[in-house]
Amino acid sequence: MRLLGEIVLLASDNGEGLVGETNDRIITFFSLGVVVFFTVAVIALSALQSWLERRKEQRKAAELRRRVGW
């Protein structure tokens, strides 16, 4: 119940957030930031997965060479 009271107090600034009145420019840049973040995150994590996969294949090839005797 106390949390609900705090939420009501925070929401009583006539729609103004931490940076002041919210307008289209703020929403646009925030949304663009979200899109850029997830794009960069997907690219970075895909590169990491590729690097780890290549490392795994090299380890498997080394193990096979060791077993075969090459």
Protein backbone atom coordinates (compact mmCIF):
# COMPACT_ATOMS: atom_id res chain seq x y z
CA MET A 1 0.00 0.00 0.00
CA ARG A 2 2.89 2.33 0.76
CA LEU A 3 4.35 1.67 -2.69
CA LEU A 4 1.06 2.70 -4.27
CA GLY A 5 1.20 5.99 -2.37
CA GLU A 6 4.74 6.66 -3.59
CA ILE A 7 3.72 5.92 -7.18
CA VAL A 8 0.86 8.40 -6.89
CA LEU A 9 3.25 11.04 -5.55
CA LEU A 10 5.69 10.47 -8.40
CA ALA A 11 2.92 10.59 -10.99
CA SER A 12 1.53 13.93 -9.81
CA ASP A 13 3.94 16.16 -11.79
CA ASN A 14 1.48 16.71 -14.65
CA GLY A 15 3.29 14.25 -16.89
CA GLU A 16 6.78 15.72 -16.49
CA GLY A 17 9.56 13.21 -16.15
CA LEU A 18 13.13 13.51 -14.92
CA VAL A 19 14.21 15.56 -17.95
CA GLY A 20 11.23 17.89 -17.92
CA GLU A 21 8.26 17.93 -20.22
CA THR A 22 8.21 14.98 -22.59
CA ASN A 23 7.92 15.97 -26.24
CA ASP A 24 8.32 14.26 -29.60
CA ARG A 25 12.06 14.89 -29.76
CA ILE A 26 12.74 13.10 -26.47
CA ILE A 27 10.56 10.13 -27.45
CA THR A 28 12.21 9.93 -30.88
CA PHE A 29 15.76 9.94 -29.52
CA PHE A 30 14.90 7.45 -26.77
CA SER A 31 13.29 5.10 -29.31
CA LEU A 32 16.24 5.49 -31.65
CA GLY A 33 18.56 4.67 -28.76
CA VAL A 34 16.60 1.49 -28.02
CA VAL A 35 16.77 0.41 -31.67
CA VAL A 36 20.51 1.15 -31.91
CA PHE A 37 21.19 -0.66 -28.62
CA PHE A 38 19.47 -3.85 -29.72
CA THR A 39 21.08 -3.72 -33.17
CA VAL A 40 24.55 -3.37 -31.66
CA ALA A 41 23.77 -6.05 -29.05
CA VAL A 42 22.69 -8.55 -31.73
CA ILE A 43 25.75 -7.85 -33.88
CA ALA A 44 28.15 -8.08 -30.92
CA LEU A 45 26.61 -11.27 -29.53
CA SER A 46 26.55 -12.88 -33.00
CA ALA A 47 30.24 -12.07 -33.44
CA LEU A 48 30.98 -13.53 -30.01
CA GLN A 49 29.05 -16.69 -30.85
CA SER A 50 30.92 -17.03 -34.14
CA TRP A 51 34.27 -16.60 -32.41
CA LEU A 52 33.38 -19.20 -29.76
CA GLU A 53 32.09 -21.62 -32.41
CA ARG A 54 35.33 -21.27 -34.39
CA ARG A 55 37.33 -21.91 -31.22
CA LYS A 56 35.25 -25.02 -30.47
CA GLU A 57 35.83 -26.38 -33.98
CA GLN A 58 39.58 -25.81 -33.66
CA ARG A 59 39.61 -27.66 -30.35
CA LYS A 60 37.65 -30.55 -31.86
CA ALA A 61 40.05 -30.70 -34.84
CA ALA A 62 43.07 -30.71 -32.52
CA GLU A 63 41.53 -33.54 -30.48
CA LEU A 64 40.86 -35.53 -33.66
CA ARG A 65 44.44 -34.98 -34.90
CA ARG A 66 45.75 -36.11 -31.51
CA ARG A 67 43.59 -39.24 -31.60
CA VAL A 68 44.47 -40.13 -35.20
CA GLY A 69 48.12 -39.27 -34.80
CA TRP A 70 48.62 -36.62 -37.44
